[in-house]
Amino acid sequence: MIRPSRPAPHLFKHWSRVAACVHGSRRIILFLDFDGTLVRIAPRPNQVRLAPGARRVLGRLARHPRVTVAVISGRRRGELTRHVAIRNVHYLGLYGWERNNRSSLSASASSAIKRARGVLSRHLAGYPRVWIEDKGNSLSVHLLAAKPEIQRRVRQRIRSSLRALRKTLRIFENLRDIEIVPLAIRDKGSAVRVFLSKVRFPHAFPIYFGDDLSDEPAFAAVGRGISILVGKARRTRARFRLRGPAEVAAALSRLEAALA
């Protein structure tokens, strides 16, 4: 795991520098996390809503001839396409592993996920505010409603109970949940590097917005591009910070203006 390095300054205080980079680039690759970045965190995943203003500016950017937009999330790709519902956007589900509707796991990986589901159901039964979301190809243990002390216990319990499956499964520890995925699913940094290697514009300028610990590898992967942490200030690999999804929408509007 990449170690966060320092707090980040607010993006808008340095916007003139960012706008100059955007204006001078022939191609912009815009990566956006979903929960906590494009939409506010909700008690349940199906309760999120993309604000109309954010949808409009994101749609315009997706149609812009100099911009490529990708939404990358721990959610399944189908969920992203349903919640965002904007054409010309690349939807990268399960940390970027699920890039199309043909992504599938091996039989051994699927079996390991099922085993992990059974193990966690038994070990976490005593924590009523903690719940398991079965995504088919991965599991998410949601901790948002639990007290900090309970969250610490649950994290430790998950690590110990899944130790026997560490050769087949990977654990991503986030701020509000823990994801259990097959080893074939790598981190967002790997997904960003693969995406950048395949675009038709080798000198494209990458910009990444994300709020969670799983976004840290992607902050590092954009290199000399722009990386923005969304949410409360903390030590991070991101170069800049925004306070929440409303400021992300404002930044997208500023980005659109800088492209003019």
Protein backbone atom coordinates (compact mmCIF):
# COMPACT_ATOMS: atom_id res chain seq x y z
CA MET A 1 0.00 0.00 0.00
CA ILE A 2 1.26 3.49 -0.84
CA ARG A 3 1.92 5.55 2.27
CA PRO A 4 0.19 8.95 2.35
CA SER A 5 2.80 11.69 2.53
CA ARG A 6 1.40 15.12 3.52
CA PRO A 7 -1.68 17.34 3.77
CA ALA A 8 -2.70 19.00 0.49
CA PRO A 9 -3.54 22.68 -0.18
CA HIS A 10 -6.95 23.68 -1.50
CA LEU A 11 -7.19 23.38 -5.28
CA PHE A 12 -8.82 26.76 -5.88
CA LYS A 13 -5.95 28.62 -4.19
CA HIS A 14 -3.67 27.32 -6.95
CA TRP A 15 -6.19 27.32 -9.77
CA SER A 16 -4.23 29.66 -12.04
CA ARG A 17 -1.42 27.08 -12.27
CA VAL A 18 -3.86 24.24 -12.88
CA ALA A 19 -5.79 26.23 -15.50
CA ALA A 20 -2.54 27.00 -17.34
CA CYS A 21 -1.73 23.27 -17.49
CA VAL A 22 -5.22 22.47 -18.75
CA HIS A 23 -5.23 25.26 -21.31
CA GLY A 24 -1.83 24.23 -22.67
CA SER A 25 -2.62 20.50 -23.00
CA ARG A 26 -3.81 19.01 -26.25
CA ARG A 27 -5.66 16.24 -24.41
CA ILE A 28 -7.07 15.90 -20.88
CA ILE A 29 -7.79 12.51 -19.31
CA LEU A 30 -10.23 13.09 -16.47
CA PHE A 31 -10.56 10.32 -13.86
CA LEU A 32 -13.27 10.57 -11.21
CA ASP A 33 -14.07 8.31 -8.28
CA PHE A 34 -17.80 8.04 -7.61
CA ASP A 35 -18.91 7.75 -3.95
CA GLY A 36 -17.70 10.70 -1.91
CA THR A 37 -16.34 12.40 -5.03
CA LEU A 38 -19.09 12.80 -7.61
CA VAL A 39 -21.88 12.04 -5.11
CA ARG A 40 -22.24 12.46 -1.37
CA ILE A 41 -21.91 9.38 0.80
CA ALA A 42 -25.30 7.81 1.57
CA PRO A 43 -26.32 5.28 4.26
CA ARG A 44 -26.94 2.70 1.52
CA PRO A 45 -25.25 2.50 -1.91
CA ASN A 46 -28.54 2.66 -3.81
CA GLN A 47 -29.48 5.98 -2.15
CA VAL A 48 -26.87 8.15 -3.87
CA ARG A 49 -27.84 10.82 -6.39
CA LEU A 50 -25.72 12.74 -8.87
CA ALA A 51 -26.64 16.43 -8.61
CA PRO A 52 -28.16 17.88 -11.82
CA GLY A 53 -25.48 20.57 -12.13
CA ALA A 54 -22.68 18.03 -11.81
CA ARG A 55 -24.38 15.81 -14.39
CA ARG A 56 -24.68 18.66 -16.88
CA VAL A 57 -21.05 19.81 -16.67
CA LEU A 58 -19.77 16.22 -16.70
CA GLY A 59 -21.85 15.55 -19.81
CA ARG A 60 -20.40 18.59 -21.56
CA LEU A 61 -16.86 17.55 -20.67
CA ALA A 62 -17.51 14.01 -21.94
CA ARG A 63 -18.51 15.50 -25.30
CA HIS A 64 -15.57 17.92 -25.45
CA PRO A 65 -13.15 17.05 -28.29
CA ARG A 66 -10.09 17.48 -26.04
CA VAL A 67 -11.35 15.51 -23.03
CA THR A 68 -11.65 11.81 -22.17
CA VAL A 69 -13.71 11.07 -19.04
CA ALA A 70 -13.43 7.90 -16.95
CA VAL A 71 -15.37 7.09 -13.76
CA ILE A 72 -13.50 4.54 -11.64
CA SER A 73 -15.00 2.93 -8.54
CA GLY A 74 -15.20 -0.09 -6.31
CA ARG A 75 -18.80 -0.43 -7.48
CA ARG A 76 -19.81 -2.77 -10.29
CA ARG A 77 -19.69 -1.24 -13.74
CA GLY A 78 -23.43 -1.69 -14.23
CA GLU A 79 -24.15 0.40 -11.15
CA LEU A 80 -21.94 3.21 -12.42
CA THR A 81 -23.60 3.32 -15.82
CA ARG A 82 -27.02 3.40 -14.15
CA HIS A 83 -26.22 6.14 -11.63
CA VAL A 84 -24.17 8.39 -13.92
CA ALA A 85 -25.97 7.62 -17.20
CA ILE A 86 -23.81 9.86 -19.41
CA ARG A 87 -22.69 8.83 -22.88
CA ASN A 88 -19.04 8.97 -23.96
CA VAL A 89 -17.84 8.13 -20.44
CA HIS A 90 -15.56 5.17 -19.72
CA TYR A 91 -17.03 3.26 -16.77
CA LEU A 92 -14.37 1.30 -14.84
CA GLY A 93 -15.94 -0.88 -12.16
CA LEU A 94 -14.31 -2.92 -9.39
CA TYR A 95 -11.25 -0.67 -9.11
CA GLY A 96 -10.83 -0.55 -12.88
CA TRP A 97 -10.84 -4.29 -13.49
CA GLU A 98 -14.37 -4.32 -14.93
CA ARG A 99 -13.97 -2.30 -18.14
CA ASN A 100 -16.73 -3.92 -20.19
CA ASN A 101 -19.62 -6.35 -19.85
CA ARG A 102 -17.38 -9.33 -20.66
CA SER A 103 -15.26 -9.25 -17.48
CA SER A 104 -15.53 -12.54 -15.59
CA LEU A 105 -13.71 -14.32 -12.78
CA SER A 106 -12.12 -17.75 -12.80
CA ALA A 107 -13.95 -20.58 -11.06
CA SER A 108 -11.36 -20.62 -8.25
CA ALA A 109 -11.73 -16.87 -7.64
CA SER A 110 -15.53 -17.12 -7.54
CA SER A 111 -15.27 -20.02 -5.10
CA ALA A 112 -12.94 -18.01 -2.85
CA ILE A 113 -15.39 -15.10 -2.76
CA LYS A 114 -18.21 -17.45 -1.76
CA ARG A 115 -16.05 -18.94 1.00
CA ALA A 116 -15.18 -15.46 2.26
CA ARG A 117 -18.88 -14.56 2.32
CA GLY A 118 -19.63 -17.52 4.56
CA VAL A 119 -16.68 -16.84 6.86
CA LEU A 120 -17.56 -13.15 7.28
CA SER A 121 -21.24 -13.86 7.84
CA ARG A 122 -20.29 -16.00 10.83
CA HIS A 123 -17.58 -13.77 12.27
CA LEU A 124 -19.46 -10.47 11.89
CA ALA A 125 -22.88 -11.67 13.05
CA GLY A 126 -22.40 -9.95 16.41
CA TYR A 127 -22.06 -6.48 14.88
CA PRO A 128 -25.60 -5.36 13.88
CA ARG A 129 -24.50 -1.99 12.45
CA VAL A 130 -22.00 -3.68 10.13
CA TRP A 131 -23.35 -5.26 6.97
CA ILE A 132 -21.95 -7.20 4.01
CA GLU A 133 -22.73 -6.22 0.43
CA ASP A 134 -22.29 -9.13 -1.97
CA LYS A 135 -21.37 -7.76 -5.41
CA GLY A 136 -20.92 -11.19 -6.98
CA ASN A 137 -17.28 -10.68 -7.95
CA SER A 138 -16.36 -8.99 -4.66
CA LEU A 139 -17.59 -8.25 -1.14
CA SER A 140 -17.89 -4.95 0.67
CA VAL A 141 -18.16 -4.78 4.46
CA HIS A 142 -19.83 -1.46 5.28
CA LEU A 143 -18.75 0.26 8.49
CA LEU A 144 -20.34 3.70 8.14
CA ALA A 145 -22.97 3.20 10.85
CA ALA A 146 -20.60 1.61 13.39
CA LYS A 147 -18.74 3.45 16.14
CA PRO A 148 -14.96 3.92 15.69
CA GLU A 149 -14.09 1.29 18.30
CA ILE A 150 -16.39 -1.25 16.62
CA GLN A 151 -14.84 -0.41 13.26
CA ARG A 152 -11.38 -1.17 14.63
CA ARG A 153 -12.54 -4.52 16.00
CA VAL A 154 -14.25 -5.45 12.73
CA ARG A 155 -11.19 -4.56 10.66
CA GLN A 156 -9.03 -6.76 12.86
CA ARG A 157 -11.59 -9.57 12.76
CA ILE A 158 -11.73 -9.47 8.95
CA ARG A 159 -7.94 -9.61 8.62
CA SER A 160 -7.65 -12.59 10.94
CA SER A 161 -10.66 -14.53 9.65
CA LEU A 162 -9.58 -14.26 5.99
CA ARG A 163 -5.92 -15.08 6.60
CA ALA A 164 -6.37 -18.58 5.16
CA LEU A 165 -7.60 -17.06 1.87
CA ARG A 166 -4.78 -14.54 1.42
CA LYS A 167 -3.33 -16.49 -1.54
CA THR A 168 -6.53 -15.98 -3.53
CA LEU A 169 -8.10 -12.77 -2.18
CA ARG A 170 -7.02 -9.17 -1.67
CA ILE A 171 -8.29 -6.73 0.99
CA PHE A 172 -8.71 -3.00 0.32
CA GLU A 173 -9.20 -1.01 3.51
CA ASN A 174 -11.15 2.19 2.90
CA LEU A 175 -12.36 4.93 5.22
CA ARG A 176 -15.94 3.62 5.49
CA ASP A 177 -15.74 0.05 4.23
CA ILE A 178 -13.48 -2.90 3.56
CA GLU A 179 -13.45 -4.53 0.12
CA ILE A 180 -12.57 -8.18 -0.42
CA VAL A 181 -11.65 -8.92 -4.03
CA PRO A 182 -9.86 -11.68 -6.00
CA LEU A 183 -6.15 -11.16 -6.66
CA ALA A 184 -6.98 -10.54 -10.33
CA ILE A 185 -8.51 -7.22 -9.25
CA ARG A 186 -5.67 -4.80 -8.60
CA ASP A 187 -5.67 -1.27 -7.22
CA LYS A 188 -6.83 1.91 -8.94
CA GLY A 189 -3.26 2.97 -9.62
CA SER A 190 -2.79 -0.09 -11.84
CA ALA A 191 -6.06 0.69 -13.63
CA VAL A 192 -4.99 4.30 -14.28
CA ARG A 193 -1.63 3.21 -15.68
CA VAL A 194 -3.27 0.66 -17.97
CA PHE A 195 -5.83 3.20 -19.17
CA LEU A 196 -3.17 5.84 -19.88
CA SER A 197 -1.05 3.30 -21.78
CA LYS A 198 -3.95 2.50 -24.11
CA VAL A 199 -5.29 5.95 -24.95
CA ARG A 200 -4.50 7.30 -28.42
CA PHE A 201 -2.86 10.42 -27.03
CA PRO A 202 0.57 9.59 -25.53
CA HIS A 203 1.12 13.09 -24.10
CA ALA A 204 -2.33 13.48 -22.53
CA PHE A 205 -2.55 15.35 -19.22
CA PRO A 206 -4.23 13.24 -16.47
CA ILE A 207 -6.38 14.66 -13.68
CA TYR A 208 -7.68 12.42 -10.88
CA PHE A 209 -10.37 13.19 -8.26
CA GLY A 210 -10.86 10.75 -5.37
CA ASP A 211 -11.78 10.67 -1.70
CA ASP A 212 -10.74 7.33 -0.24
CA LEU A 213 -7.65 5.36 0.78
CA SER A 214 -8.05 3.21 -2.33
CA ASP A 215 -7.54 6.36 -4.43
CA GLU A 216 -4.03 6.91 -3.07
CA PRO A 217 -2.34 4.57 -5.60
CA ALA A 218 -4.14 6.45 -8.39
CA PHE A 219 -2.93 9.81 -7.05
CA ALA A 220 0.60 8.48 -7.45
CA ALA A 221 -0.14 6.94 -10.86
CA VAL A 222 -1.01 10.26 -12.54
CA GLY A 223 2.58 11.39 -11.95
CA ARG A 224 3.04 14.95 -13.12
CA GLY A 225 -0.69 15.31 -13.70
CA ILE A 226 -3.12 16.77 -11.18
CA SER A 227 -4.42 14.71 -8.24
CA ILE A 228 -7.17 16.01 -5.95
CA LEU A 229 -8.26 14.57 -2.60
CA VAL A 230 -11.97 15.15 -1.92
CA GLY A 231 -13.12 15.41 1.69
CA LYS A 232 -11.54 16.12 5.05
CA ALA A 233 -7.88 17.08 5.15
CA ARG A 234 -5.53 14.17 5.86
CA ARG A 235 -2.09 13.03 4.84
CA THR A 236 -2.24 12.08 1.19
CA ARG A 237 -0.37 11.58 -2.08
CA ALA A 238 -2.75 14.03 -3.76
CA ARG A 239 -1.35 17.42 -4.76
CA PHE A 240 -4.53 19.35 -3.94
CA ARG A 241 -7.77 19.04 -1.98
CA LEU A 242 -11.47 19.89 -2.29
CA ARG A 243 -14.04 19.76 0.50
CA GLY A 244 -16.71 17.62 -1.16
CA PRO A 245 -18.76 16.76 -4.27
CA ALA A 246 -20.17 20.29 -4.57
CA GLU A 247 -16.64 21.66 -4.94
CA VAL A 248 -15.84 18.87 -7.42
CA ALA A 249 -18.73 20.11 -9.59
CA ALA A 250 -17.38 23.67 -9.28
CA ALA A 251 -13.91 22.46 -10.26
CA LEU A 252 -15.33 20.70 -13.31
CA SER A 253 -16.96 23.98 -14.36
CA ARG A 254 -13.64 25.78 -13.94
CA LEU A 255 -11.96 23.03 -15.94
CA GLU A 256 -14.48 23.52 -18.75
CA ALA A 257 -13.77 27.25 -18.77
CA ALA A 258 -10.00 26.64 -18.87
CA LEU A 259 -10.45 24.52 -21.99
CA ALA A 260 -12.08 27.40 -23.86
